[in-house]
Amino acid sequence: MVPALRLATAVDIPAIEQIIEAAYTPYIARIGRKPGPMLDDYAALVHAGHVRVTTFDGDIQGILILIPQDDAMLLDNIAVAPAAQGRGLGRRLLQAAEALAREAAYRRIRLYTNEAMTENIALYTRGGYVETRRVEEKGLRRVYMEKDLA
């Protein structure tokens, strides 16, 4: 079941930032620095209308960030609150991202992740994403992947 999503508002920014901090802090030691999502400007992303959240009992449990591009929808980030991890919410948010991309008439969805985040790469591969390239950007080793939505 795809979670109910709503556009994030300015009121949600502190909760979004807390979830990002909790979700990505474990990767700092593995990567050797803060992962890219910990450096993003969530206020700007919320104000641009790119952030969606899903809630349970009034608390934000998951975050989905989609950024339209010319030739594909960019799945910029999925993050799940620690208390909600292990219940398939990340997978359902991934399905929601694909559904929203299709609704927006995109034929492809694209994402990137750090090559040290092997769990994410495995999740995306199981979901039908294929690796398209590996590059170093902003000092981070990224793996680009995409999925055909046609």
N, C-alpha and C. Protein backbone atom coordinates (compact mmCIF):
# COMPACT_ATOMS: atom_id res chain seq x y z
N MET A 1 0.84 -1.18 0.00
CA MET A 1 0.00 0.00 0.00
C MET A 1 0.89 1.25 0.00
N VAL A 2 0.60 2.17 -0.91
CA VAL A 2 1.35 3.41 -1.01
C VAL A 2 0.88 4.34 0.10
N PRO A 3 1.81 4.94 0.83
CA PRO A 3 1.40 5.82 1.93
C PRO A 3 0.73 7.09 1.43
N ALA A 4 -0.17 7.63 2.27
CA ALA A 4 -0.78 8.92 1.95
C ALA A 4 0.28 10.00 2.14
N LEU A 5 0.44 10.80 1.12
CA LEU A 5 1.44 11.87 1.16
C LEU A 5 0.75 13.21 1.06
N ARG A 6 1.40 14.19 1.65
CA ARG A 6 0.96 15.58 1.48
C ARG A 6 2.19 16.43 1.27
N LEU A 7 1.99 17.57 0.63
CA LEU A 7 3.11 18.50 0.47
C LEU A 7 3.53 19.02 1.85
N ALA A 8 4.81 19.10 2.06
CA ALA A 8 5.34 19.64 3.32
C ALA A 8 5.12 21.14 3.37
N THR A 9 5.01 21.66 4.58
CA THR A 9 4.89 23.10 4.80
C THR A 9 6.04 23.55 5.69
N ALA A 10 6.14 24.84 5.86
CA ALA A 10 7.22 25.39 6.69
C ALA A 10 7.19 24.84 8.11
N VAL A 11 6.02 24.54 8.62
CA VAL A 11 5.88 23.98 9.97
C VAL A 11 6.58 22.62 10.08
N ASP A 12 6.67 21.91 8.96
CA ASP A 12 7.26 20.57 8.96
C ASP A 12 8.79 20.56 8.93
N ILE A 13 9.41 21.67 8.63
CA ILE A 13 10.86 21.70 8.40
C ILE A 13 11.66 21.15 9.59
N PRO A 14 11.39 21.52 10.84
CA PRO A 14 12.17 20.94 11.94
C PRO A 14 12.08 19.41 12.00
N ALA A 15 10.89 18.86 11.80
CA ALA A 15 10.73 17.40 11.82
C ALA A 15 11.47 16.76 10.65
N ILE A 16 11.41 17.39 9.49
CA ILE A 16 12.13 16.88 8.32
C ILE A 16 13.63 16.84 8.61
N GLU A 17 14.15 17.93 9.15
CA GLU A 17 15.58 17.99 9.45
C GLU A 17 15.98 16.96 10.50
N GLN A 18 15.12 16.70 11.48
CA GLN A 18 15.42 15.68 12.50
C GLN A 18 15.47 14.30 11.88
N ILE A 19 14.55 14.00 10.99
CA ILE A 19 14.54 12.69 10.34
C ILE A 19 15.77 12.53 9.45
N ILE A 20 16.12 13.56 8.72
CA ILE A 20 17.32 13.50 7.87
C ILE A 20 18.55 13.24 8.73
N GLU A 21 18.67 13.97 9.83
CA GLU A 21 19.81 13.80 10.73
C GLU A 21 19.89 12.36 11.25
N ALA A 22 18.76 11.84 11.70
CA ALA A 22 18.73 10.49 12.25
C ALA A 22 18.98 9.43 11.18
N ALA A 23 18.42 9.63 10.00
CA ALA A 23 18.54 8.63 8.94
C ALA A 23 19.94 8.57 8.35
N TYR A 24 20.63 9.70 8.29
CA TYR A 24 21.92 9.73 7.59
C TYR A 24 23.14 9.75 8.50
N THR A 25 22.98 10.07 9.78
CA THR A 25 24.14 10.08 10.69
C THR A 25 24.90 8.75 10.70
N PRO A 26 24.23 7.59 10.66
CA PRO A 26 24.98 6.34 10.67
C PRO A 26 25.94 6.17 9.49
N TYR A 27 25.73 6.90 8.41
CA TYR A 27 26.59 6.78 7.23
C TYR A 27 27.85 7.64 7.31
N ILE A 28 27.92 8.56 8.26
CA ILE A 28 29.07 9.47 8.32
C ILE A 28 30.37 8.69 8.46
N ALA A 29 30.42 7.72 9.35
CA ALA A 29 31.65 6.94 9.55
C ALA A 29 32.00 6.16 8.29
N ARG A 30 31.00 5.61 7.63
CA ARG A 30 31.25 4.81 6.44
C ARG A 30 31.77 5.65 5.27
N ILE A 31 31.21 6.85 5.13
CA ILE A 31 31.57 7.73 4.02
C ILE A 31 32.79 8.59 4.35
N GLY A 32 32.94 8.91 5.63
CA GLY A 32 34.05 9.77 6.04
C GLY A 32 33.68 11.24 6.11
N ARG A 33 32.43 11.53 5.94
CA ARG A 33 31.90 12.89 6.01
C ARG A 33 30.38 12.82 5.97
N LYS A 34 29.74 13.97 6.16
CA LYS A 34 28.28 13.99 6.10
C LYS A 34 27.82 13.65 4.68
N PRO A 35 26.83 12.77 4.55
CA PRO A 35 26.26 12.50 3.23
C PRO A 35 25.56 13.75 2.68
N GLY A 36 25.44 13.81 1.38
CA GLY A 36 24.83 14.95 0.70
C GLY A 36 23.50 15.40 1.28
N PRO A 37 22.57 14.46 1.60
CA PRO A 37 21.28 14.91 2.13
C PRO A 37 21.37 15.70 3.43
N MET A 38 22.44 15.53 4.19
CA MET A 38 22.60 16.28 5.44
C MET A 38 23.02 17.72 5.17
N LEU A 39 23.37 18.03 3.94
CA LEU A 39 23.84 19.37 3.58
C LEU A 39 22.78 20.17 2.82
N ASP A 40 21.66 19.54 2.51
CA ASP A 40 20.63 20.21 1.70
C ASP A 40 19.87 21.28 2.49
N ASP A 41 19.32 22.22 1.77
CA ASP A 41 18.52 23.31 2.34
C ASP A 41 17.05 22.89 2.27
N TYR A 42 16.55 22.32 3.36
CA TYR A 42 15.19 21.79 3.36
C TYR A 42 14.13 22.88 3.34
N ALA A 43 14.43 24.03 3.88
CA ALA A 43 13.47 25.14 3.80
C ALA A 43 13.26 25.51 2.33
N ALA A 44 14.33 25.60 1.56
CA ALA A 44 14.21 25.94 0.14
C ALA A 44 13.47 24.84 -0.62
N LEU A 45 13.76 23.59 -0.32
CA LEU A 45 13.09 22.48 -1.00
C LEU A 45 11.59 22.46 -0.67
N VAL A 46 11.24 22.72 0.58
CA VAL A 46 9.84 22.77 0.98
C VAL A 46 9.15 23.92 0.27
N HIS A 47 9.76 25.09 0.29
CA HIS A 47 9.14 26.28 -0.33
C HIS A 47 8.99 26.11 -1.84
N ALA A 48 9.86 25.30 -2.46
CA ALA A 48 9.77 25.05 -3.90
C ALA A 48 8.71 23.99 -4.23
N GLY A 49 8.13 23.38 -3.20
CA GLY A 49 7.09 22.38 -3.42
C GLY A 49 7.61 21.01 -3.80
N HIS A 50 8.86 20.71 -3.45
CA HIS A 50 9.47 19.43 -3.82
C HIS A 50 9.37 18.35 -2.75
N VAL A 51 8.94 18.73 -1.54
CA VAL A 51 8.96 17.79 -0.41
C VAL A 51 7.55 17.35 -0.06
N ARG A 52 7.41 16.03 0.05
CA ARG A 52 6.17 15.43 0.53
C ARG A 52 6.48 14.65 1.81
N VAL A 53 5.49 14.57 2.68
CA VAL A 53 5.68 13.83 3.93
C VAL A 53 4.50 12.88 4.12
N THR A 54 4.76 11.83 4.88
CA THR A 54 3.71 10.93 5.30
C THR A 54 3.73 10.89 6.82
N THR A 55 2.55 10.85 7.40
CA THR A 55 2.46 10.92 8.86
C THR A 55 1.75 9.70 9.42
N PHE A 56 1.97 9.48 10.69
CA PHE A 56 1.27 8.44 11.45
C PHE A 56 1.04 9.01 12.84
N ASP A 57 -0.20 8.98 13.28
CA ASP A 57 -0.57 9.56 14.57
C ASP A 57 -0.09 11.00 14.71
N GLY A 58 -0.14 11.75 13.61
CA GLY A 58 0.22 13.15 13.64
C GLY A 58 1.70 13.47 13.51
N ASP A 59 2.55 12.43 13.55
CA ASP A 59 3.99 12.65 13.44
C ASP A 59 4.49 12.28 12.05
N ILE A 60 5.41 13.08 11.53
CA ILE A 60 6.00 12.77 10.23
C ILE A 60 6.87 11.52 10.39
N GLN A 61 6.62 10.55 9.53
CA GLN A 61 7.37 9.29 9.57
C GLN A 61 8.25 9.09 8.35
N GLY A 62 7.88 9.74 7.25
CA GLY A 62 8.64 9.55 6.02
C GLY A 62 8.67 10.82 5.19
N ILE A 63 9.74 10.94 4.42
CA ILE A 63 9.97 12.12 3.58
C ILE A 63 10.26 11.65 2.16
N LEU A 64 9.68 12.31 1.20
CA LEU A 64 9.91 12.03 -0.21
C LEU A 64 10.18 13.36 -0.90
N ILE A 65 11.31 13.44 -1.59
CA ILE A 65 11.66 14.66 -2.32
C ILE A 65 11.81 14.33 -3.79
N LEU A 66 10.97 14.94 -4.61
CA LEU A 66 10.98 14.76 -6.06
C LEU A 66 11.24 16.10 -6.72
N ILE A 67 12.14 16.11 -7.69
CA ILE A 67 12.46 17.34 -8.41
C ILE A 67 12.30 17.09 -9.91
N PRO A 68 11.33 17.75 -10.53
CA PRO A 68 11.14 17.57 -11.98
C PRO A 68 12.37 18.06 -12.75
N GLN A 69 12.76 17.28 -13.74
CA GLN A 69 13.84 17.66 -14.65
C GLN A 69 13.30 17.57 -16.07
N ASP A 70 14.12 17.97 -17.03
CA ASP A 70 13.65 17.98 -18.42
C ASP A 70 13.26 16.59 -18.91
N ASP A 71 14.09 15.59 -18.66
CA ASP A 71 13.88 14.28 -19.27
C ASP A 71 13.51 13.17 -18.28
N ALA A 72 13.47 13.47 -17.00
CA ALA A 72 13.14 12.46 -15.99
C ALA A 72 12.78 13.16 -14.69
N MET A 73 12.07 12.43 -13.85
CA MET A 73 11.81 12.92 -12.49
C MET A 73 13.01 12.50 -11.65
N LEU A 74 13.57 13.43 -10.89
CA LEU A 74 14.68 13.11 -10.00
C LEU A 74 14.11 12.76 -8.63
N LEU A 75 14.36 11.55 -8.21
CA LEU A 75 14.04 11.14 -6.85
C LEU A 75 15.24 11.58 -6.01
N ASP A 76 15.09 12.74 -5.40
CA ASP A 76 16.21 13.36 -4.70
C ASP A 76 16.47 12.74 -3.33
N ASN A 77 15.40 12.29 -2.66
CA ASN A 77 15.62 11.73 -1.32
C ASN A 77 14.38 11.00 -0.84
N ILE A 78 14.64 9.91 -0.14
CA ILE A 78 13.64 9.22 0.67
C ILE A 78 14.29 9.04 2.03
N ALA A 79 13.60 9.41 3.08
CA ALA A 79 14.12 9.19 4.43
C ALA A 79 12.95 8.77 5.31
N VAL A 80 13.25 7.85 6.23
CA VAL A 80 12.24 7.30 7.13
C VAL A 80 12.70 7.52 8.56
N ALA A 81 11.78 7.97 9.40
CA ALA A 81 12.09 8.16 10.82
C ALA A 81 12.55 6.84 11.43
N PRO A 82 13.52 6.89 12.32
CA PRO A 82 14.02 5.64 12.92
C PRO A 82 12.92 4.76 13.51
N ALA A 83 11.93 5.36 14.16
CA ALA A 83 10.85 4.58 14.77
C ALA A 83 10.00 3.85 13.74
N ALA A 84 10.03 4.30 12.49
CA ALA A 84 9.21 3.70 11.44
C ALA A 84 10.02 2.79 10.51
N GLN A 85 11.31 2.67 10.74
CA GLN A 85 12.15 1.84 9.87
C GLN A 85 11.87 0.36 10.09
N GLY A 86 12.10 -0.40 9.03
CA GLY A 86 11.92 -1.84 9.11
C GLY A 86 10.50 -2.31 8.86
N ARG A 87 9.63 -1.40 8.44
CA ARG A 87 8.23 -1.75 8.20
C ARG A 87 7.82 -1.61 6.73
N GLY A 88 8.81 -1.40 5.87
CA GLY A 88 8.52 -1.29 4.44
C GLY A 88 8.11 0.09 3.98
N LEU A 89 8.20 1.08 4.85
CA LEU A 89 7.80 2.43 4.46
C LEU A 89 8.70 2.98 3.36
N GLY A 90 10.00 2.74 3.43
CA GLY A 90 10.91 3.22 2.38
C GLY A 90 10.53 2.65 1.02
N ARG A 91 10.22 1.37 0.96
CA ARG A 91 9.82 0.73 -0.28
C ARG A 91 8.51 1.34 -0.79
N ARG A 92 7.58 1.59 0.12
CA ARG A 92 6.30 2.19 -0.29
C ARG A 92 6.49 3.64 -0.77
N LEU A 93 7.40 4.36 -0.15
CA LEU A 93 7.69 5.72 -0.62
C LEU A 93 8.32 5.68 -2.02
N LEU A 94 9.14 4.68 -2.27
CA LEU A 94 9.72 4.50 -3.60
C LEU A 94 8.61 4.25 -4.63
N GLN A 95 7.65 3.42 -4.29
CA GLN A 95 6.51 3.17 -5.18
C GLN A 95 5.70 4.44 -5.39
N ALA A 96 5.54 5.23 -4.33
CA ALA A 96 4.80 6.49 -4.45
C ALA A 96 5.54 7.45 -5.38
N ALA A 97 6.86 7.49 -5.28
CA ALA A 97 7.66 8.36 -6.15
C ALA A 97 7.44 7.99 -7.61
N GLU A 98 7.43 6.70 -7.89
CA GLU A 98 7.23 6.25 -9.26
C GLU A 98 5.82 6.59 -9.74
N ALA A 99 4.83 6.42 -8.88
CA ALA A 99 3.45 6.75 -9.25
C ALA A 99 3.31 8.25 -9.54
N LEU A 100 3.93 9.08 -8.70
CA LEU A 100 3.86 10.53 -8.92
C LEU A 100 4.59 10.93 -10.20
N ALA A 101 5.70 10.28 -10.50
CA ALA A 101 6.42 10.57 -11.74
C ALA A 101 5.56 10.20 -12.95
N ARG A 102 4.89 9.06 -12.88
CA ARG A 102 3.99 8.66 -13.98
C ARG A 102 2.86 9.67 -14.14
N GLU A 103 2.27 10.07 -13.01
CA GLU A 103 1.18 11.06 -13.05
C GLU A 103 1.63 12.36 -13.70
N ALA A 104 2.89 12.70 -13.54
CA ALA A 104 3.44 13.92 -14.13
C ALA A 104 3.93 13.68 -15.56
N ALA A 105 3.61 12.49 -16.12
CA ALA A 105 3.91 12.13 -17.50
C ALA A 105 5.39 11.90 -17.77
N TYR A 106 6.14 11.53 -16.75
CA TYR A 106 7.55 11.18 -16.96
C TYR A 106 7.64 9.70 -17.35
N ARG A 107 8.55 9.42 -18.25
CA ARG A 107 8.78 8.04 -18.69
C ARG A 107 9.92 7.39 -17.92
N ARG A 108 10.69 8.22 -17.18
CA ARG A 108 11.82 7.70 -16.40
C ARG A 108 11.89 8.41 -15.06
N ILE A 109 12.40 7.68 -14.10
CA ILE A 109 12.72 8.26 -12.81
C ILE A 109 14.19 7.99 -12.56
N ARG A 110 14.87 8.98 -12.03
CA ARG A 110 16.33 8.92 -11.85
C ARG A 110 16.64 9.22 -10.39
N LEU A 111 17.72 8.64 -9.90
CA LEU A 111 18.17 8.91 -8.54
C LEU A 111 19.67 8.73 -8.47
N TYR A 112 20.24 9.15 -7.37
CA TYR A 112 21.63 8.83 -7.09
C TYR A 112 21.78 8.61 -5.60
N THR A 113 22.77 7.82 -5.26
CA THR A 113 23.06 7.53 -3.87
C THR A 113 24.56 7.40 -3.73
N ASN A 114 25.04 7.45 -2.53
CA ASN A 114 26.47 7.28 -2.30
C ASN A 114 26.83 5.81 -2.47
N GLU A 115 27.97 5.53 -3.09
CA GLU A 115 28.33 4.14 -3.33
C GLU A 115 28.54 3.35 -2.04
N ALA A 116 28.78 4.04 -0.93
CA ALA A 116 28.93 3.35 0.35
C ALA A 116 27.58 2.95 0.95
N MET A 117 26.50 3.46 0.41
CA MET A 117 25.17 3.11 0.90
C MET A 117 24.66 1.88 0.15
N THR A 118 25.33 0.78 0.38
CA THR A 118 25.07 -0.45 -0.37
C THR A 118 23.66 -0.97 -0.17
N GLU A 119 23.08 -0.74 1.02
CA GLU A 119 21.71 -1.16 1.26
C GLU A 119 20.74 -0.45 0.31
N ASN A 120 20.98 0.83 0.08
CA ASN A 120 20.13 1.60 -0.83
C ASN A 120 20.26 1.09 -2.26
N ILE A 121 21.49 0.85 -2.68
CA ILE A 121 21.73 0.35 -4.04
C ILE A 121 21.00 -0.98 -4.23
N ALA A 122 21.07 -1.86 -3.23
CA ALA A 122 20.39 -3.15 -3.32
C ALA A 122 18.88 -2.97 -3.39
N LEU A 123 18.33 -2.06 -2.58
CA LEU A 123 16.89 -1.78 -2.59
C LEU A 123 16.45 -1.30 -3.97
N TYR A 124 17.19 -0.34 -4.52
CA TYR A 124 16.83 0.21 -5.82
C TYR A 124 16.95 -0.84 -6.93
N THR A 125 17.99 -1.66 -6.86
CA THR A 125 18.18 -2.71 -7.86
C THR A 125 17.01 -3.70 -7.81
N ARG A 126 16.62 -4.11 -6.61
CA ARG A 126 15.46 -5.00 -6.47
C ARG A 126 14.19 -4.36 -7.02
N GLY A 127 14.13 -3.05 -6.95
CA GLY A 127 12.96 -2.32 -7.44
C GLY A 127 12.98 -2.05 -8.94
N GLY A 128 13.98 -2.55 -9.64
CA GLY A 128 14.03 -2.40 -11.09
C GLY A 128 14.88 -1.26 -11.61
N TYR A 129 15.61 -0.61 -10.73
CA TYR A 129 16.51 0.47 -11.15
C TYR A 129 17.80 -0.13 -11.68
N VAL A 130 18.37 0.51 -12.70
CA VAL A 130 19.64 0.06 -13.24
C VAL A 130 20.67 1.17 -13.08
N GLU A 131 21.88 0.77 -12.79
CA GLU A 131 22.97 1.74 -12.65
C GLU A 131 23.32 2.29 -14.01
N THR A 132 23.47 3.63 -14.08
CA THR A 132 23.82 4.27 -15.34
C THR A 132 25.23 4.86 -15.34
N ARG A 133 25.73 5.22 -14.15
CA ARG A 133 27.10 5.74 -14.07
C ARG A 133 27.51 5.92 -12.62
N ARG A 134 28.82 6.03 -12.42
CA ARG A 134 29.40 6.37 -11.13
C ARG A 134 30.32 7.56 -11.34
N VAL A 135 30.18 8.55 -10.47
CA VAL A 135 30.99 9.76 -10.59
C VAL A 135 31.33 10.28 -9.19
N GLU A 136 32.35 11.13 -9.14
CA GLU A 136 32.64 11.84 -7.90
C GLU A 136 32.18 13.28 -8.09
N GLU A 137 31.28 13.72 -7.20
CA GLU A 137 30.74 15.07 -7.25
C GLU A 137 30.75 15.64 -5.84
N LYS A 138 31.22 16.86 -5.72
CA LYS A 138 31.25 17.54 -4.41
C LYS A 138 31.95 16.67 -3.36
N GLY A 139 32.96 15.93 -3.81
CA GLY A 139 33.71 15.08 -2.89
C GLY A 139 33.00 13.81 -2.48
N LEU A 140 31.87 13.51 -3.11
CA LEU A 140 31.09 12.31 -2.78
C LEU A 140 31.08 11.37 -3.99
N ARG A 141 31.23 10.08 -3.72
CA ARG A 141 31.21 9.07 -4.78
C ARG A 141 29.76 8.60 -4.96
N ARG A 142 29.19 8.99 -6.09
CA ARG A 142 27.77 8.76 -6.32
C ARG A 142 27.52 7.69 -7.38
N VAL A 143 26.46 6.95 -7.15
CA VAL A 143 25.99 5.95 -8.10
C VAL A 143 24.65 6.45 -8.63
N TYR A 144 24.59 6.69 -9.94
CA TYR A 144 23.35 7.12 -10.59
C TYR A 144 22.59 5.91 -11.09
N MET A 145 21.30 5.93 -10.89
CA MET A 145 20.45 4.84 -11.32
C MET A 145 19.17 5.42 -11.90
N GLU A 146 18.52 4.63 -12.76
CA GLU A 146 17.23 5.08 -13.28
C GLU A 146 16.35 3.88 -13.59
N LYS A 147 15.08 4.19 -13.73
CA LYS A 147 14.08 3.15 -14.02
C LYS A 147 13.17 3.66 -15.12
N ASP A 148 12.90 2.80 -16.08
CA ASP A 148 11.96 3.10 -17.15
C ASP A 148 10.55 2.91 -16.59
N LEU A 149 9.72 3.92 -16.71
CA LEU A 149 8.36 3.87 -16.18
C LEU A 149 7.31 3.57 -17.23
N ALA A 150 7.74 3.40 -18.47
CA ALA A 150 6.79 3.17 -19.57
C ALA A 150 6.08 1.84 -19.42
